[in-house]
Amino acid sequence: MAQKKPIVALIYDYDGTLSPGNMQEFGFIQAVGKTAEEFWRMSDHIAVGQDASNVLAYMKLMYDEARRTGVKLRREDFLRFGRDIELFEGVREWFQLVNRYGDAHGVKVEHYINSSGLKEIVEGSPIAHEFKHIFAGTFLYDENGEAEWPGISVDYTTKTQFLFKISKGIFSAGDKKQVNESMAEDKKRVPFTHMIYFGDGDTDVPCMKLMGQFGGHAIAVYDPDNERKRATAAKLKRQGRVGFAVPAVYTADAPAYRVVTAIIDKIKADWVLSRLSKGK
């Protein structure tokens, strides 16, 4: 049966985009007796000192610090660390707000996470149920259910593969076959032109650039109380990386909502015109 309405995918980075801090800062770092500044300084020292991935460096540091302090790193522990993640204003209500708009305008809205953070922590957060799928880093677990090795590491370039997976309707982070197979544009579950990507910084640039290259939409958001973040978003807009730079406020009267609903309107109009041109 022909699809009766277009799917619009809203794809979010997490740290700095939906939350004002890094997800490790809302439980884990405190549990191992560190401040956020101490933890990230140690992580950067590992990455720079050994010319290593920043993501793998923080994952190793989490593992090492947990072992040193006797903190368990089981799936249920990560879920617990996610419960108290701080969210930007309006985030909890945002998803249903946009979903209702989509429903009223003949569009199916889906939400995805594309993060260099940890999937298990996001799954423990109060908004986890809002996402169609969460693409993020994971650990491998031993026979006792404790983390023992990185399973998936997501850096700024790795993030781009997940956009192709969302487009093709592939929800396995480990898939390397289907994502590279050729697929006609009209067979893709979510064309790039139906995607809206939200990010807050330089690590999102490859995804933002991909959006621009394939006709998608990119939005830079920033903490309204952080001038450095505001400047970064303005730079991304000035450089043409994104079409919009707005505060990370997710209420119905905020610029983010006005931008997203306008994009949804455009996607729907283009979809209707395309079908009319094909006699559908």
Protein backbone atom coordinates (compact mmCIF):
# COMPACT_ATOMS: atom_id res chain seq x y z
CA MET A 1 0.00 0.00 0.00
CA ALA A 2 1.30 3.45 -0.89
CA GLN A 3 2.43 5.60 1.98
CA LYS A 4 -0.38 8.03 2.81
CA LYS A 5 1.70 10.56 4.68
CA PRO A 6 5.38 11.54 4.74
CA ILE A 7 7.66 10.71 7.66
CA VAL A 8 9.67 13.59 9.10
CA ALA A 9 12.65 12.59 11.24
CA LEU A 10 13.84 14.95 13.96
CA ILE A 11 17.37 13.87 14.89
CA TYR A 12 19.03 15.23 18.02
CA ASP A 13 22.48 15.31 19.46
CA TYR A 14 21.98 15.02 23.23
CA ASP A 15 24.62 16.80 25.31
CA GLY A 16 24.33 20.55 24.82
CA THR A 17 21.30 20.08 22.59
CA LEU A 18 18.59 18.62 24.83
CA SER A 19 20.60 18.89 28.05
CA PRO A 20 22.83 21.76 29.19
CA GLY A 21 25.59 19.40 30.34
CA ASN A 22 27.28 16.13 29.46
CA MET A 23 25.22 13.13 30.55
CA GLN A 24 28.09 11.71 32.63
CA GLU A 25 27.85 14.82 34.86
CA PHE A 26 24.45 13.96 36.36
CA GLY A 27 25.39 10.97 38.47
CA PHE A 28 28.39 8.98 37.30
CA ILE A 29 31.12 11.57 37.83
CA GLN A 30 29.82 12.33 41.32
CA ALA A 31 29.71 8.60 42.10
CA VAL A 32 33.43 8.24 41.42
CA GLY A 33 34.26 11.29 43.53
CA LYS A 34 35.29 13.67 40.77
CA THR A 35 34.13 17.07 39.64
CA ALA A 36 33.14 17.50 36.00
CA GLU A 37 36.21 19.66 35.42
CA GLU A 38 38.53 17.01 36.90
CA PHE A 39 36.98 14.17 34.91
CA TRP A 40 37.11 15.90 31.54
CA ARG A 41 40.64 17.18 32.17
CA MET A 42 41.74 13.61 32.86
CA SER A 43 39.92 12.37 29.78
CA ASP A 44 41.53 15.03 27.58
CA HIS A 45 44.94 14.12 29.02
CA ILE A 46 44.45 10.52 27.91
CA ALA A 47 43.28 11.52 24.43
CA VAL A 48 46.00 14.09 23.81
CA GLY A 49 48.78 12.20 25.55
CA GLN A 50 48.20 9.04 23.51
CA ASP A 51 46.76 10.65 20.35
CA ALA A 52 43.54 8.73 20.95
CA SER A 53 39.85 9.20 20.30
CA ASN A 54 38.24 11.58 22.78
CA VAL A 55 35.24 9.24 22.98
CA LEU A 56 37.27 6.11 23.65
CA ALA A 57 39.33 8.09 26.17
CA TYR A 58 36.29 9.07 28.25
CA MET A 59 34.89 5.52 28.05
CA LYS A 60 38.19 4.08 29.32
CA LEU A 61 38.30 6.67 32.08
CA MET A 62 34.77 5.76 33.15
CA TYR A 63 35.80 2.11 33.32
CA ASP A 64 39.03 2.83 35.20
CA GLU A 65 37.45 5.21 37.70
CA ALA A 66 34.56 2.84 38.35
CA ARG A 67 36.98 0.01 39.13
CA ARG A 68 39.11 2.27 41.32
CA THR A 69 36.14 3.40 43.43
CA GLY A 70 34.11 0.18 43.42
CA VAL A 71 31.26 1.67 41.38
CA LYS A 72 29.38 -0.95 39.36
CA LEU A 73 28.87 -0.35 35.65
CA ARG A 74 25.96 -2.62 34.80
CA ARG A 75 23.13 -1.71 32.45
CA GLU A 76 20.90 -0.93 35.42
CA ASP A 77 23.57 1.38 36.85
CA PHE A 78 23.78 3.36 33.63
CA LEU A 79 19.98 3.61 33.55
CA ARG A 80 20.08 4.96 37.10
CA PHE A 81 22.66 7.58 36.13
CA GLY A 82 20.29 8.75 33.39
CA ARG A 83 17.34 9.47 35.67
CA ASP A 84 18.57 12.84 36.87
CA ILE A 85 19.83 14.30 33.60
CA GLU A 86 18.95 17.98 33.49
CA LEU A 87 16.97 19.05 30.42
CA PHE A 88 16.48 22.38 28.72
CA GLU A 89 13.22 24.26 29.16
CA GLY A 90 10.30 22.59 27.40
CA VAL A 91 12.12 19.39 26.38
CA ARG A 92 9.78 17.05 28.26
CA GLU A 93 6.73 18.45 26.45
CA TRP A 94 8.42 19.10 23.11
CA PHE A 95 7.95 15.70 21.50
CA GLN A 96 4.19 15.52 21.95
CA LEU A 97 3.94 19.16 20.93
CA VAL A 98 5.61 18.49 17.59
CA ASN A 99 3.84 15.14 17.16
CA ARG A 100 0.47 16.84 17.50
CA TYR A 101 1.44 19.44 14.93
CA GLY A 102 2.53 16.70 12.54
CA ASP A 103 -0.70 14.76 13.05
CA ALA A 104 -2.77 17.88 12.39
CA HIS A 105 -0.89 18.54 9.16
CA GLY A 106 -0.77 15.04 7.71
CA VAL A 107 2.81 14.24 8.67
CA LYS A 108 4.20 11.40 10.78
CA VAL A 109 6.92 12.76 13.07
CA GLU A 110 9.64 10.51 14.47
CA HIS A 111 12.40 11.43 16.93
CA TYR A 112 15.92 9.98 17.05
CA ILE A 113 19.04 10.44 19.17
CA ASN A 114 22.46 10.58 17.47
CA SER A 115 24.94 11.06 20.30
CA SER A 116 28.57 10.56 21.29
CA GLY A 117 27.28 9.85 24.79
CA LEU A 118 26.10 6.47 26.10
CA LYS A 119 22.95 4.76 24.94
CA GLU A 120 22.26 3.13 28.31
CA ILE A 121 22.34 6.50 30.09
CA VAL A 122 19.96 8.02 27.53
CA GLU A 123 17.68 5.01 27.98
CA GLY A 124 17.46 5.86 31.67
CA SER A 125 16.55 9.49 31.06
CA PRO A 126 12.96 10.70 31.50
CA ILE A 127 12.51 11.27 27.75
CA ALA A 128 13.87 7.92 26.49
CA HIS A 129 10.42 6.65 25.49
CA GLU A 130 10.00 9.52 23.02
CA PHE A 131 12.59 8.21 20.56
CA LYS A 132 12.08 5.84 17.66
CA HIS A 133 15.71 4.79 18.11
CA ILE A 134 18.76 5.87 20.09
CA PHE A 135 22.10 5.78 18.28
CA ALA A 136 24.90 6.27 20.82
CA GLY A 137 27.92 4.61 22.39
CA THR A 138 27.66 1.36 24.31
CA PHE A 139 29.81 -0.99 26.38
CA LEU A 140 30.23 -4.75 26.09
CA TYR A 141 29.31 -6.69 29.25
CA ASP A 142 30.87 -9.74 30.86
CA GLU A 143 29.12 -12.82 32.25
CA ASN A 144 28.27 -10.86 35.40
CA GLY A 145 26.61 -8.09 33.45
CA GLU A 146 29.39 -5.57 34.12
CA ALA A 147 30.92 -3.31 31.48
CA GLU A 148 34.31 -4.57 30.36
CA TRP A 149 35.05 -2.99 26.98
CA PRO A 150 33.66 -0.37 24.58
CA GLY A 151 31.12 -1.90 22.23
CA ILE A 152 30.29 1.12 20.09
CA SER A 153 32.18 4.41 20.05
CA VAL A 154 30.41 7.31 18.35
CA ASP A 155 32.54 10.27 17.31
CA TYR A 156 31.69 13.23 15.10
CA THR A 157 32.25 11.34 11.83
CA THR A 158 30.65 8.10 13.01
CA LYS A 159 27.46 10.05 13.58
CA THR A 160 26.99 10.52 9.82
CA GLN A 161 26.48 6.80 9.19
CA PHE A 162 23.43 6.85 11.43
CA LEU A 163 21.77 9.44 9.20
CA PHE A 164 22.02 6.99 6.31
CA LYS A 165 20.63 4.23 8.52
CA ILE A 166 17.67 6.38 9.55
CA SER A 167 17.06 7.18 5.89
CA LYS A 168 17.00 3.49 4.95
CA GLY A 169 15.11 2.33 8.05
CA ILE A 170 18.03 0.39 9.53
CA PHE A 171 18.03 0.27 13.33
CA SER A 172 21.09 -1.89 13.97
CA ALA A 173 24.10 0.19 15.04
CA GLY A 174 26.41 -2.64 14.05
CA ASP A 175 25.07 -3.10 10.50
CA LYS A 176 27.71 -2.53 7.85
CA LYS A 177 26.02 -4.26 4.90
CA GLN A 178 22.55 -2.82 4.36
CA VAL A 179 23.64 0.75 4.98
CA ASN A 180 26.11 0.56 2.08
CA GLU A 181 23.72 -1.05 -0.39
CA SER A 182 22.35 1.12 -3.17
CA MET A 183 18.74 2.20 -2.70
CA ALA A 184 16.58 4.34 -4.97
CA GLU A 185 15.61 7.65 -3.41
CA ASP A 186 11.89 6.92 -3.62
CA LYS A 187 12.43 3.64 -1.75
CA LYS A 188 14.06 5.24 1.28
CA ARG A 189 11.96 5.28 4.41
CA VAL A 190 13.01 8.84 5.29
CA PRO A 191 14.65 10.88 2.52
CA PHE A 192 17.27 13.37 3.66
CA THR A 193 14.93 16.13 2.55
CA HIS A 194 12.59 14.96 5.34
CA MET A 195 15.21 15.21 8.09
CA ILE A 196 15.76 17.95 10.67
CA TYR A 197 19.06 17.74 12.57
CA PHE A 198 19.62 19.49 15.90
CA GLY A 199 23.14 20.06 17.23
CA ASP A 200 25.08 22.49 19.36
CA GLY A 201 28.71 22.48 18.35
CA ASP A 202 31.64 21.58 16.14
CA THR A 203 31.21 17.83 16.66
CA ASP A 204 27.89 18.10 14.83
CA VAL A 205 29.39 19.79 11.76
CA PRO A 206 29.73 16.62 9.60
CA CYS A 207 26.04 15.80 10.15
CA MET A 208 25.05 19.41 9.53
CA LYS A 209 27.09 19.49 6.33
CA LEU A 210 25.49 16.24 5.17
CA MET A 211 22.07 17.77 5.71
CA GLY A 212 23.00 20.68 3.49
CA GLN A 213 24.44 18.47 0.77
CA PHE A 214 21.35 16.26 0.54
CA GLY A 215 18.61 18.85 0.99
CA GLY A 216 17.91 18.26 4.67
CA HIS A 217 17.60 20.85 7.41
CA ALA A 218 20.08 21.66 10.19
CA ILE A 219 19.45 23.75 13.30
CA ALA A 220 22.09 24.92 15.76
CA VAL A 221 20.77 25.33 19.30
CA TYR A 222 22.50 27.02 22.20
CA ASP A 223 22.11 27.42 25.93
CA PRO A 224 20.55 30.89 26.25
CA ASP A 225 22.59 31.45 29.43
CA ASN A 226 25.93 30.59 27.82
CA GLU A 227 27.51 33.28 25.63
CA ARG A 228 30.18 30.89 24.35
CA LYS A 229 27.52 28.49 23.12
CA ARG A 230 25.59 31.36 21.56
CA ALA A 231 28.73 32.45 19.70
CA THR A 232 29.33 28.90 18.44
CA ALA A 233 25.80 28.67 17.08
CA ALA A 234 26.16 32.06 15.41
CA LYS A 235 29.42 30.91 13.81
CA LEU A 236 27.76 27.77 12.45
CA LYS A 237 25.01 29.90 10.95
CA ARG A 238 27.49 32.42 9.52
CA GLN A 239 29.54 29.64 7.93
CA GLY A 240 26.46 28.14 6.31
CA ARG A 241 26.65 24.93 8.32
CA VAL A 242 23.06 25.37 9.49
CA GLY A 243 20.03 27.24 8.28
CA PHE A 244 18.99 28.39 11.73
CA ALA A 245 20.54 29.22 15.11
CA VAL A 246 18.05 29.34 17.98
CA PRO A 247 18.03 29.11 21.80
CA ALA A 248 17.68 25.60 23.25
CA VAL A 249 14.18 26.38 24.47
CA TYR A 250 11.55 23.89 23.40
CA THR A 251 8.27 25.57 24.29
CA ALA A 252 5.43 26.39 21.90
CA ASP A 253 6.28 30.10 21.91
CA ALA A 254 10.01 29.61 21.26
CA PRO A 255 11.85 30.12 17.94
CA ALA A 256 12.75 26.41 17.75
CA TYR A 257 9.09 25.45 17.52
CA ARG A 258 8.34 28.10 14.89
CA VAL A 259 11.29 26.97 12.77
CA VAL A 260 10.44 23.27 13.03
CA THR A 261 6.75 23.71 12.23
CA ALA A 262 7.65 25.87 9.21
CA ILE A 263 10.03 23.17 7.98
CA ILE A 264 7.32 20.54 8.47
CA ASP A 265 4.96 22.68 6.40
CA LYS A 266 7.55 22.90 3.64
CA ILE A 267 8.27 19.17 3.67
CA LYS A 268 4.55 18.41 3.43
CA ALA A 269 4.03 20.90 0.59
CA ASP A 270 6.99 19.53 -1.38
CA TRP A 271 5.74 15.97 -0.82
CA VAL A 272 2.27 16.85 -2.10
CA LEU A 273 3.67 18.65 -5.16
CA SER A 274 5.94 15.70 -5.95
CA ARG A 275 3.00 13.30 -5.84
CA LEU A 276 0.87 15.60 -8.00
CA SER A 277 3.64 15.83 -10.60
CA LYS A 278 3.61 12.01 -10.78
CA GLY A 279 -0.16 11.91 -11.14
CA LYS A 280 -0.75 10.44 -7.69
